N, C-alpha and C. Protein backbone atom coordinates (compact mmCIF):
# COMPACT_ATOMS: atom_id res chain seq x y z
N MET A 1 16.22 9.04 3.20
CA MET A 1 15.90 7.88 2.63
C MET A 1 15.75 6.95 3.58
N ALA A 2 16.44 7.73 4.94
CA ALA A 2 15.93 6.37 6.33
C ALA A 2 14.79 6.67 6.63
N SER A 3 14.17 7.79 6.43
CA SER A 3 12.62 8.28 7.30
C SER A 3 11.94 7.57 5.90
N ASP A 4 12.30 7.28 4.71
CA ASP A 4 10.74 7.26 3.92
C ASP A 4 11.08 5.47 4.66
N SER A 5 11.72 4.53 4.85
CA SER A 5 11.84 3.40 4.63
C SER A 5 11.35 3.43 6.81
N VAL A 6 11.78 4.06 7.32
CA VAL A 6 11.00 4.10 8.85
C VAL A 6 9.43 4.43 8.22
N LYS A 7 9.09 5.45 7.49
CA LYS A 7 7.53 5.52 7.52
C LYS A 7 7.04 4.23 6.57
N LEU A 8 7.29 3.62 5.54
CA LEU A 8 7.47 2.51 5.32
C LEU A 8 6.66 1.27 5.77
N TYR A 9 7.70 1.19 6.79
CA TYR A 9 7.35 0.09 7.82
C TYR A 9 6.66 0.49 8.70
N THR A 10 6.50 1.49 8.89
CA THR A 10 5.65 1.65 9.93
C THR A 10 4.38 1.89 9.46
N ALA A 11 4.03 1.91 8.04
CA ALA A 11 3.08 1.50 7.98
C ALA A 11 2.68 0.47 7.77
N ILE A 12 3.33 -0.07 7.14
CA ILE A 12 2.95 -1.23 7.22
C ILE A 12 2.50 -2.82 8.08
N TYR A 13 3.53 -2.13 9.67
CA TYR A 13 3.10 -2.85 10.84
C TYR A 13 1.55 -2.03 11.55
N VAL A 14 1.26 -1.22 11.03
CA VAL A 14 -0.04 -0.34 11.56
C VAL A 14 -1.05 -1.02 10.31
N ALA A 15 -1.06 -1.37 9.24
CA ALA A 15 -1.49 -2.40 8.36
C ALA A 15 -1.95 -4.10 9.29
N LEU A 16 -0.37 -4.54 9.92
CA LEU A 16 -0.71 -5.04 9.92
C LEU A 16 -1.77 -5.82 11.75
N ILE A 17 -1.29 -4.71 12.11
CA ILE A 17 -2.57 -4.87 13.75
C ILE A 17 -3.84 -4.77 13.34
N VAL A 18 -3.85 -3.49 12.33
CA VAL A 18 -5.20 -3.68 11.66
C VAL A 18 -5.95 -4.91 11.20
N LEU A 19 -5.39 -5.47 10.60
CA LEU A 19 -5.80 -7.04 10.05
C LEU A 19 -5.87 -7.70 11.08
N ALA A 20 -4.92 -8.01 11.98
CA ALA A 20 -5.08 -8.67 13.31
C ALA A 20 -6.75 -8.36 13.80
N PHE A 21 -7.09 -7.22 13.70
CA PHE A 21 -7.82 -6.32 14.70
C PHE A 21 -9.22 -6.49 13.73
N ALA A 22 -9.41 -6.54 12.96
CA ALA A 22 -10.26 -7.39 12.35
C ALA A 22 -10.75 -8.75 11.94
N LYS A 23 -9.54 -9.43 12.29
CA LYS A 23 -10.18 -10.93 12.00
C LYS A 23 -10.65 -11.20 13.28
N PHE A 24 -10.14 -10.54 14.94
CA PHE A 24 -10.91 -10.53 16.12
C PHE A 24 -12.25 -10.26 15.68
N ILE A 25 -12.42 -8.91 15.26
CA ILE A 25 -13.81 -8.24 15.23
C ILE A 25 -15.36 -9.39 13.86
N PHE A 26 -14.57 -9.76 13.50
CA PHE A 26 -15.43 -11.03 12.54
C PHE A 26 -15.70 -11.99 13.44
N PHE A 27 -14.78 -12.36 14.02
CA PHE A 27 -15.85 -13.47 14.53
C PHE A 27 -16.47 -12.69 16.26
N GLU A 28 -16.02 -12.14 16.66
CA GLU A 28 -16.37 -11.66 18.18
C GLU A 28 -17.80 -10.62 17.66
N PHE A 29 -17.81 -10.37 16.68
CA PHE A 29 -19.35 -9.84 16.50
C PHE A 29 -20.24 -10.35 15.41
N ASP A 30 -20.64 -11.66 15.36
CA ASP A 30 -20.78 -12.34 14.75
C ASP A 30 -22.42 -12.64 14.92
N GLN A 31 -23.35 -11.33 15.53
CA GLN A 31 -24.16 -10.88 14.91
C GLN A 31 -24.15 -10.18 13.74
N PHE A 32 -23.72 -9.42 13.35
CA PHE A 32 -23.10 -8.73 11.95
C PHE A 32 -22.42 -9.63 10.69
N PHE A 33 -22.15 -10.85 11.02
CA PHE A 33 -21.17 -11.94 10.10
C PHE A 33 -21.86 -13.36 11.01
N THR A 34 -21.66 -13.94 9.27
CA THR A 34 -22.30 -14.51 9.58
C THR A 34 -20.63 -16.16 9.69
N TYR A 35 -20.99 -17.48 9.70
CA TYR A 35 -19.17 -17.68 10.01
C TYR A 35 -18.81 -18.23 8.75
N GLN A 36 -19.34 -18.13 7.65
CA GLN A 36 -18.39 -18.39 6.11
C GLN A 36 -17.93 -17.23 6.23
N GLN A 37 -19.16 -15.70 6.03
CA GLN A 37 -18.57 -14.48 6.22
C GLN A 37 -17.10 -14.38 6.86
N ALA A 38 -17.07 -14.58 8.60
CA ALA A 38 -15.76 -14.26 9.15
C ALA A 38 -15.01 -15.06 9.05
N PHE A 39 -15.20 -16.74 8.45
CA PHE A 39 -14.38 -17.16 7.72
C PHE A 39 -13.02 -16.56 6.81
N ALA A 40 -14.52 -16.34 5.69
CA ALA A 40 -13.75 -15.88 4.60
C ALA A 40 -12.85 -14.48 4.66
N GLY A 41 -13.58 -13.75 5.36
CA GLY A 41 -12.44 -12.25 6.04
C GLY A 41 -11.31 -13.11 6.56
N THR A 42 -11.69 -13.77 7.38
CA THR A 42 -10.31 -14.36 7.64
C THR A 42 -9.41 -14.66 7.16
N MET A 43 -9.98 -15.44 5.95
CA MET A 43 -8.33 -16.07 5.25
C MET A 43 -7.83 -15.07 4.56
N GLY A 44 -8.89 -14.13 3.95
CA GLY A 44 -8.47 -12.95 3.07
C GLY A 44 -7.56 -12.50 4.24
N ALA A 45 -7.71 -11.34 4.92
CA ALA A 45 -6.63 -10.95 6.40
C ALA A 45 -5.25 -11.55 6.58
N ALA A 46 -5.22 -13.02 6.23
CA ALA A 46 -4.38 -13.76 6.67
C ALA A 46 -3.35 -13.92 5.57
N VAL A 47 -4.65 -13.68 4.00
CA VAL A 47 -3.81 -13.36 3.13
C VAL A 47 -2.73 -12.41 2.70
N ILE A 48 -3.49 -11.20 3.30
CA ILE A 48 -2.83 -10.38 2.69
C ILE A 48 -1.54 -9.83 3.87
N LYS A 49 -1.71 -10.12 5.32
CA LYS A 49 -0.83 -10.22 5.63
C LYS A 49 0.60 -10.90 5.64
N SER A 50 0.09 -12.14 4.90
CA SER A 50 0.89 -12.94 4.97
C SER A 50 2.71 -12.36 3.27
N PHE A 51 1.66 -11.90 2.96
CA PHE A 51 2.39 -11.05 1.45
C PHE A 51 2.94 -9.56 1.87
N LEU A 52 2.03 -9.03 2.91
CA LEU A 52 2.85 -7.84 3.58
C LEU A 52 4.36 -8.54 4.07
N ILE A 53 4.21 -9.21 4.87
CA ILE A 53 5.46 -9.74 5.85
C ILE A 53 5.88 -10.12 4.42
N VAL A 54 6.30 -11.14 3.29
CA VAL A 54 6.87 -11.76 3.31
C VAL A 54 7.84 -10.32 1.89
N ALA A 55 6.37 -9.36 1.44
CA ALA A 55 7.33 -8.59 0.72
C ALA A 55 8.41 -7.03 1.32
N TYR A 56 8.19 -7.57 2.63
CA TYR A 56 8.60 -5.93 3.02
C TYR A 56 9.36 -6.79 4.06
N PHE A 57 9.09 -7.56 4.85
CA PHE A 57 9.85 -7.89 6.39
C PHE A 57 11.00 -8.57 5.72
N GLN A 58 10.85 -9.75 4.89
CA GLN A 58 11.54 -10.15 4.48
C GLN A 58 12.54 -9.85 2.86
N HIS A 59 11.32 -8.76 2.49
CA HIS A 59 12.61 -8.60 1.52
C HIS A 59 12.75 -9.21 0.14
N LEU A 60 11.91 -9.88 -0.10
CA LEU A 60 11.51 -10.39 -0.89
C LEU A 60 10.89 -9.00 -2.33
N ARG A 61 10.25 -8.29 -1.62
CA ARG A 61 10.60 -7.13 -2.87
C ARG A 61 11.16 -6.94 -3.82
N TRP A 62 12.44 -6.88 -2.88
CA TRP A 62 13.35 -6.23 -3.72
C TRP A 62 14.01 -7.20 -4.70
N GLU A 63 14.20 -7.94 -4.47
CA GLU A 63 14.81 -9.63 -4.76
C GLU A 63 14.60 -9.95 -6.22
N ASN A 64 15.22 -10.80 -6.95
CA ASN A 64 15.02 -10.93 -8.29
C ASN A 64 14.02 -11.47 -8.56
N LYS A 65 13.42 -11.80 -9.40
CA LYS A 65 12.65 -12.03 -9.76
C LYS A 65 12.81 -13.62 -9.55
N SER A 66 13.89 -13.95 -10.11
CA SER A 66 14.00 -15.86 -10.16
C SER A 66 13.77 -16.31 -8.58
N LEU A 67 14.20 -15.44 -7.54
CA LEU A 67 14.21 -15.89 -6.26
C LEU A 67 12.73 -15.87 -5.31
N THR A 68 12.25 -15.20 -6.17
CA THR A 68 10.10 -14.74 -6.15
C THR A 68 9.24 -15.56 -6.91
N TYR A 69 9.90 -16.69 -8.47
CA TYR A 69 9.34 -17.62 -9.13
C TYR A 69 9.99 -18.52 -7.86
N LEU A 70 10.59 -18.90 -7.03
CA LEU A 70 11.53 -20.24 -6.10
C LEU A 70 10.77 -19.56 -5.29
N MET A 71 10.63 -19.14 -4.53
CA MET A 71 9.54 -18.84 -3.70
C MET A 71 8.32 -19.65 -3.84
N LEU A 72 7.43 -18.47 -4.85
CA LEU A 72 6.26 -19.59 -5.11
C LEU A 72 5.84 -21.10 -5.78
N LEU A 73 7.67 -21.36 -6.25
CA LEU A 73 6.95 -23.13 -6.28
C LEU A 73 7.22 -23.76 -5.40
N SER A 74 8.30 -23.59 -4.13
CA SER A 74 8.37 -23.97 -3.12
C SER A 74 6.70 -23.92 -2.16
N LEU A 75 6.04 -22.60 -2.14
CA LEU A 75 4.30 -22.45 -1.62
C LEU A 75 4.52 -23.87 -2.57
N ALA A 76 3.83 -23.72 -3.41
CA ALA A 76 2.73 -25.08 -4.63
C ALA A 76 3.34 -25.86 -4.19
N LEU A 77 4.41 -26.56 -4.03
CA LEU A 77 5.28 -27.95 -3.67
C LEU A 77 4.50 -28.12 -1.72
N VAL A 78 4.60 -26.79 -1.42
CA VAL A 78 4.64 -27.70 0.19
C VAL A 78 2.26 -28.18 0.00
N LEU A 79 1.47 -26.59 -0.81
CA LEU A 79 0.88 -27.24 -0.51
C LEU A 79 -0.04 -28.36 -0.97
N LEU A 80 0.89 -28.97 -2.12
CA LEU A 80 1.01 -30.19 -2.87
C LEU A 80 1.00 -31.28 -1.97
N LEU A 81 2.00 -31.22 -1.08
CA LEU A 81 2.48 -31.97 0.14
C LEU A 81 1.15 -32.19 1.40
N MET A 82 0.64 -31.00 1.40
CA MET A 82 -0.35 -30.93 2.36
C MET A 82 -1.84 -32.01 1.70
N ALA A 83 -1.90 -31.79 0.65
CA ALA A 83 -3.01 -31.69 0.20
C ALA A 83 -2.79 -33.54 -0.32
N ALA A 84 -1.04 -33.79 -0.05
CA ALA A 84 -1.09 -35.62 -0.26
C ALA A 84 -1.36 -36.66 0.95
N ALA A 85 -1.05 -35.53 1.63
CA ALA A 85 -1.27 -35.89 3.26
C ALA A 85 -2.15 -36.24 3.74
N THR A 86 -3.52 -35.00 3.33
CA THR A 86 -4.68 -35.01 3.89
C THR A 86 -5.51 -36.30 3.16
N TYR A 87 -5.12 -36.38 2.08
CA TYR A 87 -5.38 -37.67 1.51
C TYR A 87 -5.53 -39.15 2.00
N SER A 88 -3.52 -39.18 2.23
CA SER A 88 -3.26 -40.13 2.15
C SER A 88 -3.76 -40.75 4.04
N ILE A 89 -3.85 -39.82 4.70
CA ILE A 89 -4.79 -40.06 6.30
C ILE A 89 -5.91 -40.94 5.80
N THR A 90 -6.82 -40.45 5.12
CA THR A 90 -8.01 -40.56 5.15
C THR A 90 -8.11 -42.44 4.43
């Protein structure tokens, strides 16, 4: 069982490294990607990386669903506050 978790965490770590490298590729090889494509790819990679980190390294995948819903609610509220702060500055 311990070797299974080591394999899982190693695979997640390698996936995070590949996604970080993909973000570098998007902006360094600008002859293949437009800025909008590079930005969209970077945002997609960031979302996937965030999901992997929260789900596996912070063990949210194995927690009760109520804790997961609480985390999603807090994320939604943070995004709402950021949007409100953005429009209150201008």
